[in-house]
Amino acid sequence: RLQKAADMKLINSVLLKPNQIGTISE
């Protein structure tokens, strides 16, 4: 979803919350 937002020039900053994705590696 970040890549899609960047391609569409929707944002220039992103919030990162560990529980939104589930693992630290991701």
PDB file of all heavy atoms in Angstrom:
ATOM      1  N   ARG A   1       0.823  -1.202   0.000  1.00  0.00           N
ATOM      2  CA  ARG A   1       0.000   0.000   0.000  1.00  0.00           C
ATOM      3  C   ARG A   1       0.868   1.266   0.000  1.00  0.00           C
ATOM      4  O   ARG A   1       0.495   2.276  -0.601  1.00  0.00           O
ATOM      5  CB  ARG A   1      -0.943  -0.001   1.203  1.00  0.00           C
ATOM      6  CG  ARG A   1      -1.948  -1.148   1.173  1.00  0.00           C
ATOM      7  CD  ARG A   1      -3.046  -0.953   2.197  1.00  0.00           C
ATOM      8  NE  ARG A   1      -3.805   0.263   1.921  1.00  0.00           N
ATOM      9  CZ  ARG A   1      -4.739   0.375   0.978  1.00  0.00           C
ATOM     10  NH1 ARG A   1      -5.034  -0.671   0.206  1.00  0.00           N
ATOM     11  NH2 ARG A   1      -5.376   1.512   0.799  1.00  0.00           N
ATOM     12  N   LEU A   2       2.031   1.208   0.634  1.00  0.00           N
ATOM     13  CA  LEU A   2       2.936   2.356   0.593  1.00  0.00           C
ATOM     14  C   LEU A   2       3.445   2.589  -0.822  1.00  0.00           C
ATOM     15  O   LEU A   2       3.501   3.730  -1.294  1.00  0.00           O
ATOM     16  CB  LEU A   2       4.119   2.142   1.539  1.00  0.00           C
ATOM     17  CG  LEU A   2       5.158   3.260   1.540  1.00  0.00           C
ATOM     18  CD1 LEU A   2       4.548   4.583   1.999  1.00  0.00           C
ATOM     19  CD2 LEU A   2       6.354   2.902   2.415  1.00  0.00           C
ATOM     20  N   GLN A   3       3.817   1.531  -1.515  1.00  0.00           N
ATOM     21  CA  GLN A   3       4.302   1.683  -2.889  1.00  0.00           C
ATOM     22  C   GLN A   3       3.216   2.283  -3.782  1.00  0.00           C
ATOM     23  O   GLN A   3       3.490   3.164  -4.603  1.00  0.00           O
ATOM     24  CB  GLN A   3       4.740   0.320  -3.433  1.00  0.00           C
ATOM     25  CG  GLN A   3       5.346   0.381  -4.831  1.00  0.00           C
ATOM     26  CD  GLN A   3       6.666   1.116  -4.877  1.00  0.00           C
ATOM     27  OE1 GLN A   3       7.643   0.695  -4.285  1.00  0.00           O
ATOM     28  NE2 GLN A   3       6.685   2.250  -5.578  1.00  0.00           N
ATOM     29  N   LYS A   4       1.993   1.825  -3.621  1.00  0.00           N
ATOM     30  CA  LYS A   4       0.880   2.359  -4.406  1.00  0.00           C
ATOM     31  C   LYS A   4       0.680   3.845  -4.120  1.00  0.00           C
ATOM     32  O   LYS A   4       0.506   4.651  -5.046  1.00  0.00           O
ATOM     33  CB  LYS A   4      -0.402   1.588  -4.081  1.00  0.00           C
ATOM     34  CG  LYS A   4      -1.642   2.125  -4.790  1.00  0.00           C
ATOM     35  CD  LYS A   4      -2.890   1.358  -4.367  1.00  0.00           C
ATOM     36  CE  LYS A   4      -4.139   1.958  -5.008  1.00  0.00           C
ATOM     37  NZ  LYS A   4      -5.380   1.246  -4.567  1.00  0.00           N
ATOM     38  N   ALA A   5       0.721   4.233  -2.854  1.00  0.00           N
ATOM     39  CA  ALA A   5       0.540   5.639  -2.483  1.00  0.00           C
ATOM     40  C   ALA A   5       1.656   6.509  -3.047  1.00  0.00           C
ATOM     41  O   ALA A   5       1.426   7.642  -3.475  1.00  0.00           O
ATOM     42  CB  ALA A   5       0.482   5.777  -0.966  1.00  0.00           C
ATOM     43  N   ALA A   6       2.883   5.972  -3.042  1.00  0.00           N
ATOM     44  CA  ALA A   6       4.015   6.715  -3.598  1.00  0.00           C
ATOM     45  C   ALA A   6       3.871   6.868  -5.110  1.00  0.00           C
ATOM     46  O   ALA A   6       4.124   7.947  -5.663  1.00  0.00           O
ATOM     47  CB  ALA A   6       5.315   6.000  -3.259  1.00  0.00           C
ATOM     48  N   ASP A   7       3.462   5.802  -5.776  1.00  0.00           N
ATOM     49  CA  ASP A   7       3.284   5.851  -7.236  1.00  0.00           C
ATOM     50  C   ASP A   7       2.221   6.873  -7.628  1.00  0.00           C
ATOM     51  O   ASP A   7       2.346   7.553  -8.659  1.00  0.00           O
ATOM     52  CB  ASP A   7       2.890   4.475  -7.776  1.00  0.00           C
ATOM     53  CG  ASP A   7       4.003   3.446  -7.664  1.00  0.00           C
ATOM     54  OD1 ASP A   7       5.170   3.863  -7.491  1.00  0.00           O
ATOM     55  OD2 ASP A   7       3.708   2.239  -7.731  1.00  0.00           O
ATOM     56  N   MET A   8       1.187   7.001  -6.816  1.00  0.00           N
ATOM     57  CA  MET A   8       0.087   7.925  -7.103  1.00  0.00           C
ATOM     58  C   MET A   8       0.337   9.321  -6.526  1.00  0.00           C
ATOM     59  O   MET A   8      -0.493  10.213  -6.702  1.00  0.00           O
ATOM     60  CB  MET A   8      -1.219   7.365  -6.540  1.00  0.00           C
ATOM     61  CG  MET A   8      -1.670   6.064  -7.183  1.00  0.00           C
ATOM     62  SD  MET A   8      -3.246   5.465  -6.493  1.00  0.00           S
ATOM     63  CE  MET A   8      -4.375   6.749  -7.077  1.00  0.00           C
ATOM     64  N   LYS A   9       1.486   9.484  -5.837  1.00  0.00           N
ATOM     65  CA  LYS A   9       1.840  10.766  -5.221  1.00  0.00           C
ATOM     66  C   LYS A   9       0.738  11.258  -4.279  1.00  0.00           C
ATOM     67  O   LYS A   9       0.296  12.406  -4.339  1.00  0.00           O
ATOM     68  CB  LYS A   9       2.152  11.815  -6.292  1.00  0.00           C
ATOM     69  CG  LYS A   9       3.378  11.490  -7.120  1.00  0.00           C
ATOM     70  CD  LYS A   9       3.666  12.555  -8.157  1.00  0.00           C
ATOM     71  CE  LYS A   9       5.019  12.352  -8.823  1.00  0.00           C
ATOM     72  NZ  LYS A   9       5.178  11.023  -9.436  1.00  0.00           N
ATOM     73  N   LEU A  10       0.330  10.372  -3.357  1.00  0.00           N
ATOM     74  CA  LEU A  10      -0.717  10.701  -2.403  1.00  0.00           C
ATOM     75  C   LEU A  10      -0.174  11.319  -1.129  1.00  0.00           C
ATOM     76  O   LEU A  10      -0.844  12.146  -0.494  1.00  0.00           O
ATOM     77  CB  LEU A  10      -1.511   9.434  -2.035  1.00  0.00           C
ATOM     78  CG  LEU A  10      -2.119   8.638  -3.178  1.00  0.00           C
ATOM     79  CD1 LEU A  10      -2.829   7.401  -2.631  1.00  0.00           C
ATOM     80  CD2 LEU A  10      -3.084   9.498  -3.986  1.00  0.00           C
ATOM     81  N   ILE A  11       1.024  10.909  -0.702  1.00  0.00           N
ATOM     82  CA  ILE A  11       1.598  11.332   0.578  1.00  0.00           C
ATOM     83  C   ILE A  11       3.099  11.522   0.422  1.00  0.00           C
ATOM     84  O   ILE A  11       3.694  11.080  -0.567  1.00  0.00           O
ATOM     85  CB  ILE A  11       1.342  10.284   1.681  1.00  0.00           C
ATOM     86  CG1 ILE A  11       1.933   8.923   1.257  1.00  0.00           C
ATOM     87  CG2 ILE A  11      -0.142  10.160   1.999  1.00  0.00           C
ATOM     88  CD1 ILE A  11       1.979   7.894   2.343  1.00  0.00           C
ATOM     89  N   ASN A  12       3.708  12.159   1.412  1.00  0.00           N
ATOM     90  CA  ASN A  12       5.175  12.209   1.458  1.00  0.00           C
ATOM     91  C   ASN A  12       5.715  11.722   2.802  1.00  0.00           C
ATOM     92  O   ASN A  12       6.908  11.768   3.047  1.00  0.00           O
ATOM     93  CB  ASN A  12       5.689  13.629   1.175  1.00  0.00           C
ATOM     94  CG  ASN A  12       5.165  14.659   2.161  1.00  0.00           C
ATOM     95  OD1 ASN A  12       4.652  14.322   3.229  1.00  0.00           O
ATOM     96  ND2 ASN A  12       5.275  15.923   1.803  1.00  0.00           N
ATOM     97  N   SER A  13       4.789  11.250   3.664  1.00  0.00           N
ATOM     98  CA  SER A  13       5.175  10.769   4.996  1.00  0.00           C
ATOM     99  C   SER A  13       4.238   9.625   5.386  1.00  0.00           C
ATOM    100  O   SER A  13       3.079   9.587   4.957  1.00  0.00           O
ATOM    101  CB  SER A  13       5.071  11.889   6.040  1.00  0.00           C
ATOM    102  OG  SER A  13       5.807  13.032   5.632  1.00  0.00           O
ATOM    103  N   VAL A  14       4.758   8.721   6.232  1.00  0.00           N
ATOM    104  CA  VAL A  14       3.956   7.562   6.609  1.00  0.00           C
ATOM    105  C   VAL A  14       4.093   7.285   8.100  1.00  0.00           C
ATOM    106  O   VAL A  14       5.172   7.429   8.678  1.00  0.00           O
ATOM    107  CB  VAL A  14       4.362   6.314   5.792  1.00  0.00           C
ATOM    108  CG1 VAL A  14       5.812   5.920   6.060  1.00  0.00           C
ATOM    109  CG2 VAL A  14       3.428   5.141   6.057  1.00  0.00           C
ATOM    110  N   LEU A  15       2.964   6.925   8.719  1.00  0.00           N
ATOM    111  CA  LEU A  15       2.970   6.506  10.118  1.00  0.00           C
ATOM    112  C   LEU A  15       3.208   5.001  10.170  1.00  0.00           C
ATOM    113  O   LEU A  15       2.625   4.242   9.392  1.00  0.00           O
ATOM    114  CB  LEU A  15       1.626   6.827  10.767  1.00  0.00           C
ATOM    115  CG  LEU A  15       1.656   7.307  12.214  1.00  0.00           C
ATOM    116  CD1 LEU A  15       2.303   8.680  12.282  1.00  0.00           C
ATOM    117  CD2 LEU A  15       0.250   7.371  12.796  1.00  0.00           C
ATOM    118  N   LEU A  16       4.091   4.577  11.071  1.00  0.00           N
ATOM    119  CA  LEU A  16       4.383   3.152  11.231  1.00  0.00           C
ATOM    120  C   LEU A  16       3.968   2.702  12.623  1.00  0.00           C
ATOM    121  O   LEU A  16       4.433   3.230  13.621  1.00  0.00           O
ATOM    122  CB  LEU A  16       5.875   2.879  11.007  1.00  0.00           C
ATOM    123  CG  LEU A  16       6.407   3.183   9.612  1.00  0.00           C
ATOM    124  CD1 LEU A  16       7.895   2.840   9.518  1.00  0.00           C
ATOM    125  CD2 LEU A  16       5.635   2.441   8.538  1.00  0.00           C
ATOM    126  N   LYS A  17       3.080   1.706  12.666  1.00  0.00           N
ATOM    127  CA  LYS A  17       2.573   1.146  13.918  1.00  0.00           C
ATOM    128  C   LYS A  17       2.781  -0.362  13.869  1.00  0.00           C
ATOM    129  O   LYS A  17       2.211  -1.036  13.000  1.00  0.00           O
ATOM    130  CB  LYS A  17       1.085   1.464  14.088  1.00  0.00           C
ATOM    131  CG  LYS A  17       0.755   2.944  14.171  1.00  0.00           C
ATOM    132  CD  LYS A  17      -0.753   3.153  14.183  1.00  0.00           C
ATOM    133  CE  LYS A  17      -1.109   4.625  14.361  1.00  0.00           C
ATOM    134  NZ  LYS A  17      -2.578   4.845  14.283  1.00  0.00           N
ATOM    135  N   PRO A  18       3.565  -0.911  14.782  1.00  0.00           N
ATOM    136  CA  PRO A  18       3.891  -2.343  14.709  1.00  0.00           C
ATOM    137  C   PRO A  18       2.696  -3.262  14.608  1.00  0.00           C
ATOM    138  O   PRO A  18       2.704  -4.230  13.837  1.00  0.00           O
ATOM    139  CB  PRO A  18       4.675  -2.586  16.004  1.00  0.00           C
ATOM    140  CG  PRO A  18       5.333  -1.263  16.282  1.00  0.00           C
ATOM    141  CD  PRO A  18       4.326  -0.235  15.858  1.00  0.00           C
ATOM    142  N   ASN A  19       1.615  -2.974  15.333  1.00  0.00           N
ATOM    143  CA  ASN A  19       0.512  -3.935  15.335  1.00  0.00           C
ATOM    144  C   ASN A  19      -0.300  -3.915  14.044  1.00  0.00           C
ATOM    145  O   ASN A  19      -1.127  -4.789  13.801  1.00  0.00           O
ATOM    146  CB  ASN A  19      -0.416  -3.697  16.535  1.00  0.00           C
ATOM    147  CG  ASN A  19      -1.497  -2.688  16.253  1.00  0.00           C
ATOM    148  OD1 ASN A  19      -1.216  -1.548  15.863  1.00  0.00           O
ATOM    149  ND2 ASN A  19      -2.739  -3.086  16.448  1.00  0.00           N
ATOM    150  N   GLN A  20      -0.060  -2.933  13.184  1.00  0.00           N
ATOM    151  CA  GLN A  20      -0.801  -2.890  11.927  1.00  0.00           C
ATOM    152  C   GLN A  20      -0.351  -3.962  10.944  1.00  0.00           C
ATOM    153  O   GLN A  20      -1.108  -4.336  10.048  1.00  0.00           O
ATOM    154  CB  GLN A  20      -0.638  -1.517  11.265  1.00  0.00           C
ATOM    155  CG  GLN A  20      -1.418  -0.403  11.933  1.00  0.00           C
ATOM    156  CD  GLN A  20      -1.253   0.921  11.225  1.00  0.00           C
ATOM    157  OE1 GLN A  20      -0.220   1.203  10.619  1.00  0.00           O
ATOM    158  NE2 GLN A  20      -2.282   1.741  11.288  1.00  0.00           N
ATOM    159  N   ILE A  21       0.865  -4.472  11.099  1.00  0.00           N
ATOM    160  CA  ILE A  21       1.391  -5.416  10.131  1.00  0.00           C
ATOM    161  C   ILE A  21       1.696  -6.781  10.728  1.00  0.00           C
ATOM    162  O   ILE A  21       1.582  -7.803  10.066  1.00  0.00           O
ATOM    163  CB  ILE A  21       2.644  -4.837   9.405  1.00  0.00           C
ATOM    164  CG1 ILE A  21       3.034  -5.686   8.210  1.00  0.00           C
ATOM    165  CG2 ILE A  21       3.795  -4.658  10.375  1.00  0.00           C
ATOM    166  CD1 ILE A  21       2.004  -5.727   7.114  1.00  0.00           C
ATOM    167  N   GLY A  22       2.129  -6.854  11.990  1.00  0.00           N
ATOM    168  CA  GLY A  22       2.208  -8.143  12.663  1.00  0.00           C
ATOM    169  C   GLY A  22       3.578  -8.703  12.972  1.00  0.00           C
ATOM    170  O   GLY A  22       3.725  -9.453  13.923  1.00  0.00           O
ATOM    171  N   THR A  23       4.613  -8.367  12.187  1.00  0.00           N
ATOM    172  CA  THR A  23       5.964  -8.841  12.518  1.00  0.00           C
ATOM    173  C   THR A  23       6.965  -7.708  12.334  1.00  0.00           C
ATOM    174  O   THR A  23       6.759  -6.803  11.525  1.00  0.00           O
ATOM    175  CB  THR A  23       6.409 -10.034  11.639  1.00  0.00           C
ATOM    176  OG1 THR A  23       6.621  -9.595  10.288  1.00  0.00           O
ATOM    177  CG2 THR A  23       5.399 -11.168  11.672  1.00  0.00           C
ATOM    178  N   ILE A  24       8.051  -7.799  13.073  1.00  0.00           N
ATOM    179  CA  ILE A  24       9.074  -6.760  13.022  1.00  0.00           C
ATOM    180  C   ILE A  24       9.798  -6.759  11.675  1.00  0.00           C
ATOM    181  O   ILE A  24      10.132  -5.699  11.136  1.00  0.00           O
ATOM    182  CB  ILE A  24      10.076  -6.934  14.182  1.00  0.00           C
ATOM    183  CG1 ILE A  24       9.333  -6.803  15.522  1.00  0.00           C
ATOM    184  CG2 ILE A  24      11.191  -5.914  14.090  1.00  0.00           C
ATOM    185  CD1 ILE A  24       8.524  -5.539  15.688  1.00  0.00           C
ATOM    186  N   SER A  25      10.037  -7.923  11.108  1.00  0.00           N
ATOM    187  CA  SER A  25      10.719  -7.986   9.811  1.00  0.00           C
ATOM    188  C   SER A  25       9.927  -7.261   8.730  1.00  0.00           C
ATOM    189  O   SER A  25      10.492  -6.528   7.906  1.00  0.00           O
ATOM    190  CB  SER A  25      10.954  -9.439   9.393  1.00  0.00           C
ATOM    191  OG  SER A  25      11.856 -10.068  10.259  1.00  0.00           O
ATOM    192  N   GLU A  26       8.611  -7.441   8.724  1.00  0.00           N
ATOM    193  CA  GLU A  26       7.777  -6.740   7.745  1.00  0.00           C
ATOM    194  C   GLU A  26       7.809  -5.239   7.983  1.00  0.00           C
ATOM    195  O   GLU A  26       7.805  -4.441   7.034  1.00  0.00           O
ATOM    196  CB  GLU A  26       6.349  -7.252   7.815  1.00  0.00           C
ATOM    197  CG  GLU A  26       6.160  -8.664   7.294  1.00  0.00           C
ATOM    198  CD  GLU A  26       4.767  -9.187   7.575  1.00  0.00           C
ATOM    199  OE1 GLU A  26       4.474  -9.465   8.758  1.00  0.00           O
ATOM    200  OE2 GLU A  26       3.987  -9.312   6.615  1.00  0.00           O
TER     201      GLU A  26
END
